[in-house]
Protein backbone atom coordinates (compact mmCIF):
# COMPACT_ATOMS: atom_id res chain seq x y z
CA MET A 1 16.33 -37.83 30.31
CA VAL A 2 17.00 -34.91 27.95
CA VAL A 3 16.23 -35.21 24.26
CA ASN A 4 17.75 -32.71 21.87
CA VAL A 5 15.65 -32.03 18.79
CA VAL A 6 17.56 -30.81 15.77
CA ARG A 7 15.58 -29.42 12.87
CA LYS A 8 17.08 -30.14 9.50
CA THR A 9 15.98 -29.13 6.05
CA LEU A 10 15.52 -31.68 3.28
CA LYS A 11 18.75 -30.36 1.77
CA ASP A 12 20.63 -31.14 5.02
CA ILE A 13 19.14 -34.63 5.09
CA ASN A 14 20.13 -35.26 1.46
CA ILE A 15 23.69 -34.10 2.16
CA ASN A 16 23.95 -36.63 4.99
CA MET A 17 22.56 -39.46 2.84
CA ASP A 18 24.72 -41.76 0.74
CA GLU A 19 25.54 -39.57 -2.28
CA THR A 20 25.73 -42.49 -4.71
CA GLN A 21 22.10 -43.35 -3.97
CA GLU A 22 21.03 -39.79 -4.72
CA ILE A 23 22.93 -39.69 -8.02
CA LYS A 24 21.94 -43.21 -9.07
CA ASP A 25 18.22 -42.83 -8.49
CA PRO A 26 16.91 -39.23 -8.64
CA TYR A 27 13.24 -40.22 -9.14
CA LYS A 28 10.97 -39.75 -6.15
CA ILE A 29 7.51 -40.56 -4.91
CA ILE A 30 5.95 -37.68 -3.00
CA LYS A 31 3.00 -37.89 -0.64
CA MET A 32 1.14 -34.61 -0.85
CA ASN A 33 -0.96 -33.08 1.94
CA SER A 34 -3.98 -33.63 -0.33
CA GLY A 35 -3.35 -37.39 -0.23
CA ASP A 36 -2.06 -37.57 -3.81
CA ASP A 37 0.89 -39.83 -4.53
CA VAL A 38 3.08 -38.04 -7.08
CA ILE A 39 5.95 -39.57 -9.02
CA CYS A 40 8.52 -37.21 -10.51
CA LYS A 41 12.05 -35.96 -10.53
CA ILE A 42 12.80 -33.06 -8.20
CA VAL A 43 15.03 -30.86 -10.34
CA MET A 44 15.44 -27.88 -8.01
CA GLU A 45 14.87 -27.04 -4.38
CA TYR A 46 14.44 -23.54 -3.02
CA ASP A 47 13.81 -22.43 0.56
CA ASP A 48 10.05 -22.76 0.22
CA VAL A 49 9.43 -24.45 -3.16
CA PHE A 50 10.25 -27.70 -4.98
CA VAL A 51 10.42 -27.87 -8.76
CA PHE A 52 8.89 -31.14 -10.00
CA GLU A 53 9.72 -32.35 -13.49
CA ARG A 54 6.84 -34.10 -15.30
CA PRO A 55 4.91 -35.02 -12.16
CA MET A 56 2.51 -37.92 -12.57
CA ALA A 57 -0.21 -39.16 -10.23
CA LEU A 58 -0.74 -42.79 -9.31
CA VAL A 59 -4.32 -43.74 -10.13
CA LYS A 60 -5.70 -47.00 -8.74
CA ASN A 61 -8.73 -48.70 -10.24
CA SER A 62 -10.33 -51.73 -8.63
CA PHE A 63 -12.56 -54.23 -10.40
CA VAL A 64 -13.66 -57.84 -10.18
CA ASN A 65 -12.23 -60.25 -12.77
CA ASP A 66 -14.10 -63.10 -14.48
CA ASP A 67 -13.29 -65.43 -11.56
CA GLY A 68 -14.96 -63.01 -9.12
CA GLU A 69 -11.65 -62.01 -7.54
CA PRO A 70 -10.88 -58.36 -6.79
CA VAL A 71 -8.10 -56.93 -8.95
CA GLU A 72 -6.35 -53.59 -8.56
CA HIS A 73 -4.93 -51.85 -11.62
CA THR A 74 -2.48 -48.97 -11.15
CA GLN A 75 -1.71 -46.43 -13.85
CA LEU A 76 0.07 -43.12 -14.17
CA SER A 77 -1.59 -39.95 -15.41
CA LYS A 78 -0.57 -36.31 -15.55
CA TRP A 79 -0.80 -34.88 -12.07
CA ILE A 80 -1.92 -31.51 -13.37
CA THR A 81 -3.93 -31.76 -16.56
CA TYR A 82 -4.57 -29.11 -19.22
CA THR A 83 -1.03 -27.78 -19.20
CA ASN A 84 2.00 -28.41 -21.39
CA ASP A 85 4.39 -27.25 -18.65
CA ILE A 86 7.16 -29.72 -17.90
CA HIS A 87 8.16 -28.11 -14.59
CA ILE A 88 5.67 -27.51 -11.80
CA PHE A 89 6.45 -25.37 -8.76
CA VAL A 90 5.13 -26.85 -5.50
CA PRO A 91 5.29 -25.13 -2.10
CA LYS A 92 7.18 -27.27 0.42
CA ASN A 93 4.40 -26.92 2.97
CA LYS A 94 2.15 -28.96 0.64
CA VAL A 95 4.47 -31.99 0.84
CA GLN A 96 4.16 -34.62 3.59
CA ALA A 97 6.88 -37.09 2.63
CA ILE A 98 9.45 -37.87 -0.07
CA ALA A 99 10.94 -41.29 -0.82
CA THR A 100 13.06 -42.89 -3.54
CA LEU A 101 11.09 -44.92 -6.07
CA ALA A 102 11.32 -48.69 -6.28
CA PRO A 103 13.19 -49.78 -9.45
CA GLU A 104 10.12 -51.33 -11.09
CA VAL A 105 8.13 -48.11 -10.62
CA THR A 106 11.03 -46.04 -11.97
CA TYR A 107 11.07 -48.25 -15.08
CA PHE A 108 7.29 -47.86 -15.53
CA TYR A 109 7.54 -44.08 -15.01
CA LYS A 110 10.32 -43.71 -17.60
CA LYS A 111 8.35 -45.75 -20.14
CA SER A 112 5.34 -43.50 -19.51
CA LEU A 113 7.51 -40.42 -20.09
CA VAL A 114 8.63 -41.74 -23.49
CA LYS A 115 5.00 -42.31 -24.49
CA MET A 116 4.03 -38.87 -23.20
CA ALA A 117 6.84 -37.20 -25.16
CA ARG A 118 5.67 -38.90 -28.39
CA GLU A 119 2.12 -37.66 -27.80
CA GLU A 120 3.31 -34.13 -26.96
CA ALA A 121 5.24 -33.93 -30.24
CA HIS A 122 1.91 -33.98 -32.11
CA GLN A 123 0.10 -31.50 -29.88
CA PRO A 124 -0.43 -27.93 -31.06
CA LYS A 125 1.90 -25.41 -29.46
CA THR A 126 -0.09 -22.21 -30.05
CA GLU A 127 -3.72 -21.11 -30.20
CA GLU A 128 -3.26 -20.43 -33.90
CA GLU A 129 -2.28 -24.08 -34.46
CA VAL A 130 -5.39 -25.17 -32.55
CA HIS A 131 -7.55 -22.88 -34.70
CA ASN A 132 -5.99 -24.21 -37.93
CA ARG A 133 -6.50 -27.84 -36.89
CA ILE A 134 -10.14 -27.25 -36.00
CA LYS A 135 -10.72 -25.46 -39.30
CA MET A 136 -9.09 -28.36 -41.20
CA MET A 137 -11.25 -30.92 -39.33
CA GLU A 138 -14.42 -28.93 -40.05
CA GLU A 139 -13.56 -28.80 -43.76
CA THR A 140 -12.81 -32.53 -43.83
CA PHE A 141 -16.06 -33.31 -42.01
CA ALA A 142 -18.06 -31.13 -44.41
CA GLU A 143 -16.50 -32.83 -47.43
CA LEU A 144 -17.11 -36.33 -46.00
CA SER A 145 -20.69 -35.45 -45.11
CA LYS A 146 -21.29 -34.14 -48.64
CA ARG A 147 -19.74 -37.29 -50.17
CA ASP A 148 -21.71 -39.59 -47.85
CA GLY A 149 -24.93 -37.68 -48.59
CA GLU A 150 -24.47 -38.12 -52.36
CA ALA A 151 -23.49 -41.81 -52.10
CA SER A 152 -26.30 -42.82 -49.77
CA ALA A 153 -29.15 -40.83 -51.36
CA GLY A 154 -30.38 -43.93 -53.23
CA ASN A 155 -30.06 -46.15 -50.16
CA VAL A 156 -32.39 -44.19 -47.89
CA LEU A 157 -35.83 -45.58 -47.15
CA PRO A 158 -38.64 -43.13 -46.45
CA PHE A 159 -39.73 -42.96 -42.84
CA GLU A 160 -43.17 -41.85 -41.87
CA ILE A 161 -43.73 -40.34 -38.46
CA PRO A 162 -46.34 -42.44 -36.63
CA ASP A 163 -49.52 -40.88 -35.32
CA LYS A 164 -48.61 -39.23 -32.01
CA ASP A 165 -52.10 -39.90 -30.63
CA LYS A 166 -51.63 -43.68 -30.72
CA LEU A 167 -49.56 -45.41 -28.09
CA HIS A 168 -48.23 -48.91 -28.72
């Protein structure tokens, strides 16, 4: 028996897939070589790189409920933290598998994106904005501390340090 092996790229595979499925549901779950499960939209594909839009990691937390039964809670968090970049470039050789998301996960992902966008709207965009916010918080803290110090001066009881030689 002779078996012919034909190597295809992901682009070739996608072309051969039902096009309506690709257009209708562009959100994907990606299994990375590291073991991470990443949910995102692949916005561009190059010969050796994917461009992920707003990739999020699935984080599973297990705990025991009040009835003593194990419960698993799944949440989404930014896959790469400490960046405001929306698009992340990922080498193709770091990806093990790609699949279309289940509708309920797509819904959850989209809701998370809306929440994330609201939070990002209030984040500083430059180092100068960060500096100004910190300065404003320090001034507010100093003023509150001064006000609290004046208001509570009559409410403070004296405290004597006990003799360090005696143990109780």
